[in-house]
């Protein structure tokens, strides 16, 4: 995978960690979810984007203008805001 080989940078909302841990916990149990959460945090070349007030405001706008779910709106808002930040603020 290009991300693992550091050929491609990846960005995702901090909600991704929550979603992965939750789904694995429901499907396989707590111990596996703890392991998967740790593995995701250690995955090379992924930056987790904080969900801040600006991200939530963008998510609200997306939610109002689209058929996206709240979580999908947050994920998309994270990507949009990351893309639009000046290089010196990334």
Protein backbone atom coordinates (compact mmCIF):
# COMPACT_ATOMS: atom_id res chain seq x y z
CA UNK A 1 0.00 0.00 0.00
CA UNK A 2 1.32 3.43 -0.94
CA UNK A 3 0.57 4.87 2.49
CA UNK A 4 2.58 2.15 4.25
CA UNK A 5 5.47 2.73 1.82
CA UNK A 6 5.24 6.45 2.57
CA UNK A 7 4.53 7.22 -1.08
CA UNK A 8 1.21 8.84 -0.20
CA UNK A 9 0.17 10.86 2.82
CA UNK A 10 -3.14 10.02 4.44
CA UNK A 11 -5.38 12.19 6.57
CA UNK A 12 -8.45 11.20 8.51
CA UNK A 13 -10.66 12.57 11.23
CA UNK A 14 -10.04 11.48 14.79
CA UNK A 15 -13.51 9.92 14.54
CA UNK A 16 -11.96 7.17 12.42
CA UNK A 17 -10.22 5.76 15.48
CA UNK A 18 -13.50 5.79 17.38
CA UNK A 19 -15.37 4.08 14.56
CA UNK A 20 -12.77 1.34 14.08
CA UNK A 21 -12.52 0.58 17.80
CA UNK A 22 -16.31 0.58 18.20
CA UNK A 23 -16.99 -1.74 15.25
CA UNK A 24 -14.25 -4.18 16.21
CA UNK A 25 -15.47 -4.17 19.81
CA UNK A 26 -19.01 -5.04 18.72
CA UNK A 27 -17.84 -7.72 16.28
CA UNK A 28 -14.87 -9.29 18.05
CA UNK A 29 -14.81 -8.00 21.62
CA UNK A 30 -12.96 -5.47 23.70
CA UNK A 31 -9.49 -7.04 23.61
CA UNK A 32 -9.41 -7.10 19.83
CA UNK A 33 -10.72 -3.54 19.67
CA UNK A 34 -7.94 -2.32 21.96
CA UNK A 35 -5.38 -4.03 19.73
CA UNK A 36 -6.92 -2.57 16.56
CA UNK A 37 -7.01 0.91 18.04
CA UNK A 38 -3.34 0.67 18.95
CA UNK A 39 -2.49 -0.65 15.47
CA UNK A 40 -4.39 2.17 13.77
CA UNK A 41 -2.58 4.79 15.85
CA UNK A 42 0.75 3.25 14.86
CA UNK A 43 -0.08 3.01 11.15
CA UNK A 44 2.63 4.80 9.18
CA UNK A 45 2.04 8.07 7.39
CA UNK A 46 -1.47 8.81 8.66
CA UNK A 47 -2.28 12.10 10.31
CA UNK A 48 -5.40 12.33 12.44
CA UNK A 49 -7.23 15.63 12.03
CA UNK A 50 -8.69 17.10 15.22
CA UNK A 51 -12.38 17.83 15.25
CA UNK A 52 -12.48 21.45 16.37
CA UNK A 53 -15.06 24.23 16.23
CA UNK A 54 -14.08 25.17 12.67
CA UNK A 55 -14.45 21.57 11.51
CA UNK A 56 -17.86 21.29 13.19
CA UNK A 57 -19.02 24.52 11.56
CA UNK A 58 -18.00 23.20 8.16
CA UNK A 59 -19.68 19.88 8.97
CA UNK A 60 -22.89 21.70 9.89
CA UNK A 61 -22.90 23.48 6.54
CA UNK A 62 -22.31 20.19 4.73
CA UNK A 63 -25.06 18.51 6.73
CA UNK A 64 -27.52 21.25 5.80
CA UNK A 65 -26.65 21.17 2.08
CA UNK A 66 -26.29 17.44 1.48
CA UNK A 67 -27.69 14.08 2.40
CA UNK A 68 -24.60 13.18 4.43
CA UNK A 69 -24.81 11.72 7.91
CA UNK A 70 -23.34 13.76 10.78
CA UNK A 71 -20.24 11.56 11.00
CA UNK A 72 -19.68 11.62 7.25
CA UNK A 73 -20.07 15.40 7.36
CA UNK A 74 -17.33 15.58 9.99
CA UNK A 75 -15.03 13.35 7.95
CA UNK A 76 -15.56 15.45 4.83
CA UNK A 77 -15.18 18.72 6.75
CA UNK A 78 -11.88 17.46 8.16
CA UNK A 79 -10.59 16.76 4.66
CA UNK A 80 -11.82 20.08 3.26
CA UNK A 81 -10.31 22.09 6.09
CA UNK A 82 -7.00 20.20 5.88
CA UNK A 83 -6.82 20.87 2.14
CA UNK A 84 -7.59 24.57 2.59
CA UNK A 85 -5.07 25.25 5.36
CA UNK A 86 -1.93 27.12 4.31
CA UNK A 87 1.18 24.89 4.25
CA UNK A 88 2.69 26.61 7.29
CA UNK A 89 -0.39 25.69 9.38
CA UNK A 90 -0.53 22.01 8.47
